[in-house]
Amino acid sequence: MKKDMDSANRFTSTEIRYAMRSLESLLGGELTESLINDLELYDLRIKNDRAEFGLAEITLAIEKRFGSASPILLEGITKALAQR
């Protein structure tokens, strides 16, 4: 089932981790794991399986951590989330 990215959907931490791992072919496994760990430090507790986050929360955490590189990263993550 695809999710409408324009709505106020919330994504589970499992879905977010899946989206991050979908970038592994571009970034490599080590860097992908590092990104997941970094997001934990920037208020996106995606290692907690019961957590849910809205797209705005995901975007804010990524922008805090990755600054000017965030649009490229966000594009990949939002595409992967839309397919879940």
N, C-alpha and C. Protein backbone atom coordinates (compact mmCIF):
# COMPACT_ATOMS: atom_id res chain seq x y z
N MET A 1 0.84 -1.18 0.00
CA MET A 1 0.00 0.00 0.00
C MET A 1 0.89 1.25 0.00
N LYS A 2 0.65 2.14 -0.96
CA LYS A 2 1.44 3.35 -1.05
C LYS A 2 0.84 4.44 -0.18
N LYS A 3 1.69 5.26 0.39
CA LYS A 3 1.23 6.35 1.23
C LYS A 3 1.27 7.65 0.44
N ASP A 4 0.29 8.51 0.68
CA ASP A 4 0.24 9.83 0.05
C ASP A 4 1.17 10.76 0.82
N MET A 5 2.24 11.22 0.17
CA MET A 5 3.25 12.02 0.86
C MET A 5 2.73 13.40 1.24
N ASP A 6 1.62 13.88 0.64
CA ASP A 6 1.10 15.19 0.95
C ASP A 6 0.20 15.17 2.17
N SER A 7 -0.22 14.04 2.61
CA SER A 7 -1.10 13.97 3.77
C SER A 7 -0.28 13.95 5.05
N ALA A 8 -0.98 13.95 6.15
CA ALA A 8 -0.31 13.99 7.46
C ALA A 8 0.04 12.59 7.94
N ASN A 9 0.47 11.73 7.05
CA ASN A 9 0.85 10.37 7.43
C ASN A 9 1.99 10.38 8.42
N ARG A 10 1.97 9.36 9.22
CA ARG A 10 3.08 9.15 10.14
C ARG A 10 3.75 7.85 9.71
N PHE A 11 5.04 7.80 9.90
CA PHE A 11 5.82 6.64 9.49
C PHE A 11 6.44 6.01 10.72
N THR A 12 6.44 4.70 10.75
CA THR A 12 7.06 4.01 11.87
C THR A 12 8.58 4.07 11.72
N SER A 13 9.24 3.83 12.81
CA SER A 13 10.70 3.81 12.76
C SER A 13 11.20 2.72 11.83
N THR A 14 10.48 1.62 11.75
CA THR A 14 10.85 0.53 10.84
C THR A 14 10.79 1.00 9.39
N GLU A 15 9.74 1.75 9.03
CA GLU A 15 9.62 2.26 7.67
C GLU A 15 10.73 3.26 7.36
N ILE A 16 11.08 4.08 8.33
CA ILE A 16 12.15 5.07 8.12
C ILE A 16 13.50 4.37 7.95
N ARG A 17 13.76 3.38 8.78
CA ARG A 17 15.02 2.62 8.63
C ARG A 17 15.07 1.94 7.27
N TYR A 18 13.95 1.37 6.83
CA TYR A 18 13.88 0.74 5.51
C TYR A 18 14.21 1.77 4.42
N ALA A 19 13.62 2.96 4.54
CA ALA A 19 13.87 4.02 3.56
C ALA A 19 15.35 4.41 3.55
N MET A 20 15.93 4.53 4.74
CA MET A 20 17.35 4.87 4.82
C MET A 20 18.20 3.77 4.18
N ARG A 21 17.86 2.53 4.47
CA ARG A 21 18.64 1.41 3.94
C ARG A 21 18.48 1.27 2.43
N SER A 22 17.41 1.82 1.87
CA SER A 22 17.24 1.77 0.41
C SER A 22 18.30 2.61 -0.30
N LEU A 23 18.95 3.50 0.44
CA LEU A 23 20.02 4.33 -0.13
C LEU A 23 21.38 3.64 -0.05
N GLU A 24 21.39 2.45 0.53
CA GLU A 24 22.65 1.74 0.76
C GLU A 24 23.43 1.48 -0.54
N SER A 25 22.73 1.21 -1.62
CA SER A 25 23.44 0.94 -2.88
C SER A 25 24.19 2.18 -3.38
N LEU A 26 23.69 3.35 -3.04
CA LEU A 26 24.37 4.60 -3.42
C LEU A 26 25.45 5.00 -2.42
N LEU A 27 25.18 4.80 -1.15
CA LEU A 27 26.05 5.33 -0.10
C LEU A 27 27.00 4.30 0.50
N GLY A 28 26.64 3.03 0.38
CA GLY A 28 27.42 1.99 1.05
C GLY A 28 26.84 1.70 2.42
N GLY A 29 27.06 0.50 2.88
CA GLY A 29 26.49 0.05 4.15
C GLY A 29 26.98 0.81 5.36
N GLU A 30 28.26 1.09 5.41
CA GLU A 30 28.85 1.77 6.56
C GLU A 30 28.32 3.19 6.70
N LEU A 31 28.24 3.91 5.59
CA LEU A 31 27.74 5.28 5.63
C LEU A 31 26.25 5.31 5.96
N THR A 32 25.50 4.37 5.42
CA THR A 32 24.07 4.30 5.72
C THR A 32 23.84 4.08 7.21
N GLU A 33 24.57 3.17 7.80
CA GLU A 33 24.45 2.91 9.24
C GLU A 33 24.85 4.14 10.04
N SER A 34 25.86 4.84 9.59
CA SER A 34 26.30 6.08 10.25
C SER A 34 25.20 7.14 10.18
N LEU A 35 24.50 7.24 9.05
CA LEU A 35 23.39 8.19 8.92
C LEU A 35 22.27 7.87 9.90
N ILE A 36 21.95 6.60 10.02
CA ILE A 36 20.91 6.18 10.96
C ILE A 36 21.32 6.56 12.38
N ASN A 37 22.56 6.30 12.73
CA ASN A 37 23.05 6.65 14.07
C ASN A 37 23.03 8.16 14.29
N ASP A 38 23.41 8.93 13.27
CA ASP A 38 23.39 10.39 13.38
C ASP A 38 21.98 10.91 13.61
N LEU A 39 21.00 10.34 12.93
CA LEU A 39 19.63 10.81 13.10
C LEU A 39 19.12 10.54 14.51
N GLU A 40 19.62 9.50 15.15
CA GLU A 40 19.29 9.25 16.56
C GLU A 40 19.71 10.43 17.43
N LEU A 41 20.82 11.04 17.08
CA LEU A 41 21.32 12.18 17.85
C LEU A 41 20.53 13.46 17.57
N TYR A 42 19.83 13.50 16.44
CA TYR A 42 19.09 14.69 16.05
C TYR A 42 17.58 14.47 16.18
N ASP A 43 17.18 13.86 17.29
CA ASP A 43 15.77 13.74 17.70
C ASP A 43 14.91 12.82 16.85
N LEU A 44 15.49 11.99 16.05
CA LEU A 44 14.70 11.03 15.27
C LEU A 44 15.06 9.64 15.79
N ARG A 45 14.34 9.19 16.78
CA ARG A 45 14.65 7.92 17.46
C ARG A 45 14.16 6.73 16.64
N ILE A 46 14.86 6.45 15.55
CA ILE A 46 14.39 5.40 14.65
C ILE A 46 14.84 4.00 15.06
N LYS A 47 15.57 3.90 16.12
CA LYS A 47 15.93 2.56 16.62
C LYS A 47 14.87 2.05 17.59
N ASN A 48 13.93 2.91 17.98
CA ASN A 48 12.81 2.52 18.83
C ASN A 48 11.69 2.04 17.92
N ASP A 49 11.40 0.75 17.94
CA ASP A 49 10.43 0.18 17.01
C ASP A 49 9.00 0.69 17.20
N ARG A 50 8.72 1.32 18.32
CA ARG A 50 7.36 1.82 18.57
C ARG A 50 7.20 3.29 18.18
N ALA A 51 8.24 3.92 17.76
CA ALA A 51 8.19 5.35 17.44
C ALA A 51 7.54 5.58 16.09
N GLU A 52 6.85 6.71 15.98
CA GLU A 52 6.28 7.15 14.72
C GLU A 52 6.62 8.62 14.53
N PHE A 53 6.85 9.00 13.29
CA PHE A 53 7.23 10.37 12.99
C PHE A 53 6.49 10.85 11.75
N GLY A 54 6.15 12.12 11.73
CA GLY A 54 5.57 12.74 10.55
C GLY A 54 6.67 13.18 9.61
N LEU A 55 6.29 13.48 8.39
CA LEU A 55 7.27 13.89 7.39
C LEU A 55 8.00 15.16 7.82
N ALA A 56 7.29 16.07 8.49
CA ALA A 56 7.93 17.31 8.95
C ALA A 56 9.04 17.01 9.97
N GLU A 57 8.80 16.06 10.86
CA GLU A 57 9.82 15.69 11.85
C GLU A 57 11.03 15.04 11.19
N ILE A 58 10.78 14.21 10.21
CA ILE A 58 11.87 13.55 9.47
C ILE A 58 12.70 14.60 8.74
N THR A 59 12.01 15.51 8.07
CA THR A 59 12.69 16.57 7.32
C THR A 59 13.54 17.44 8.23
N LEU A 60 12.99 17.84 9.37
CA LEU A 60 13.72 18.70 10.30
C LEU A 60 14.99 18.02 10.82
N ALA A 61 14.89 16.76 11.19
CA ALA A 61 16.06 16.04 11.70
C ALA A 61 17.14 15.93 10.63
N ILE A 62 16.74 15.65 9.41
CA ILE A 62 17.71 15.52 8.32
C ILE A 62 18.34 16.87 7.99
N GLU A 63 17.54 17.93 7.97
CA GLU A 63 18.08 19.26 7.70
C GLU A 63 19.03 19.72 8.80
N LYS A 64 18.71 19.42 10.05
CA LYS A 64 19.61 19.77 11.16
C LYS A 64 20.97 19.10 10.99
N ARG A 65 20.94 17.85 10.60
CA ARG A 65 22.17 17.08 10.53
C ARG A 65 22.95 17.31 9.24
N PHE A 66 22.27 17.41 8.11
CA PHE A 66 22.96 17.39 6.83
C PHE A 66 22.96 18.71 6.08
N GLY A 67 22.27 19.70 6.59
CA GLY A 67 22.31 21.04 6.01
C GLY A 67 22.04 21.08 4.52
N SER A 68 22.97 21.62 3.76
CA SER A 68 22.77 21.83 2.32
C SER A 68 22.68 20.52 1.52
N ALA A 69 23.14 19.43 2.08
CA ALA A 69 23.04 18.14 1.40
C ALA A 69 21.68 17.49 1.62
N SER A 70 20.86 18.06 2.49
CA SER A 70 19.60 17.41 2.85
C SER A 70 18.61 17.25 1.70
N PRO A 71 18.48 18.16 0.72
CA PRO A 71 17.48 17.95 -0.33
C PRO A 71 17.69 16.64 -1.11
N ILE A 72 18.91 16.31 -1.39
CA ILE A 72 19.20 15.09 -2.14
C ILE A 72 18.85 13.87 -1.28
N LEU A 73 19.24 13.90 -0.04
CA LEU A 73 18.96 12.81 0.88
C LEU A 73 17.46 12.68 1.11
N LEU A 74 16.78 13.79 1.31
CA LEU A 74 15.34 13.78 1.53
C LEU A 74 14.59 13.21 0.33
N GLU A 75 15.04 13.54 -0.86
CA GLU A 75 14.37 13.03 -2.07
C GLU A 75 14.40 11.50 -2.09
N GLY A 76 15.56 10.94 -1.81
CA GLY A 76 15.67 9.48 -1.79
C GLY A 76 14.83 8.84 -0.71
N ILE A 77 14.83 9.44 0.47
CA ILE A 77 14.07 8.88 1.59
C ILE A 77 12.56 9.00 1.34
N THR A 78 12.10 10.15 0.87
CA THR A 78 10.67 10.32 0.64
C THR A 78 10.17 9.40 -0.48
N LYS A 79 10.97 9.17 -1.48
CA LYS A 79 10.58 8.22 -2.54
C LYS A 79 10.43 6.82 -1.95
N ALA A 80 11.36 6.43 -1.11
CA ALA A 80 11.29 5.10 -0.50
C ALA A 80 10.10 5.00 0.45
N LEU A 81 9.81 6.05 1.21
CA LEU A 81 8.66 6.04 2.12
C LEU A 81 7.35 5.98 1.34
N ALA A 82 7.28 6.62 0.21
CA ALA A 82 6.06 6.61 -0.60
C ALA A 82 5.74 5.21 -1.14
N GLN A 83 6.75 4.38 -1.26
CA GLN A 83 6.56 3.04 -1.80
C GLN A 83 6.19 2.03 -0.73
N ARG A 84 6.31 2.39 0.53
CA ARG A 84 6.01 1.46 1.64
C ARG A 84 4.55 1.38 1.91
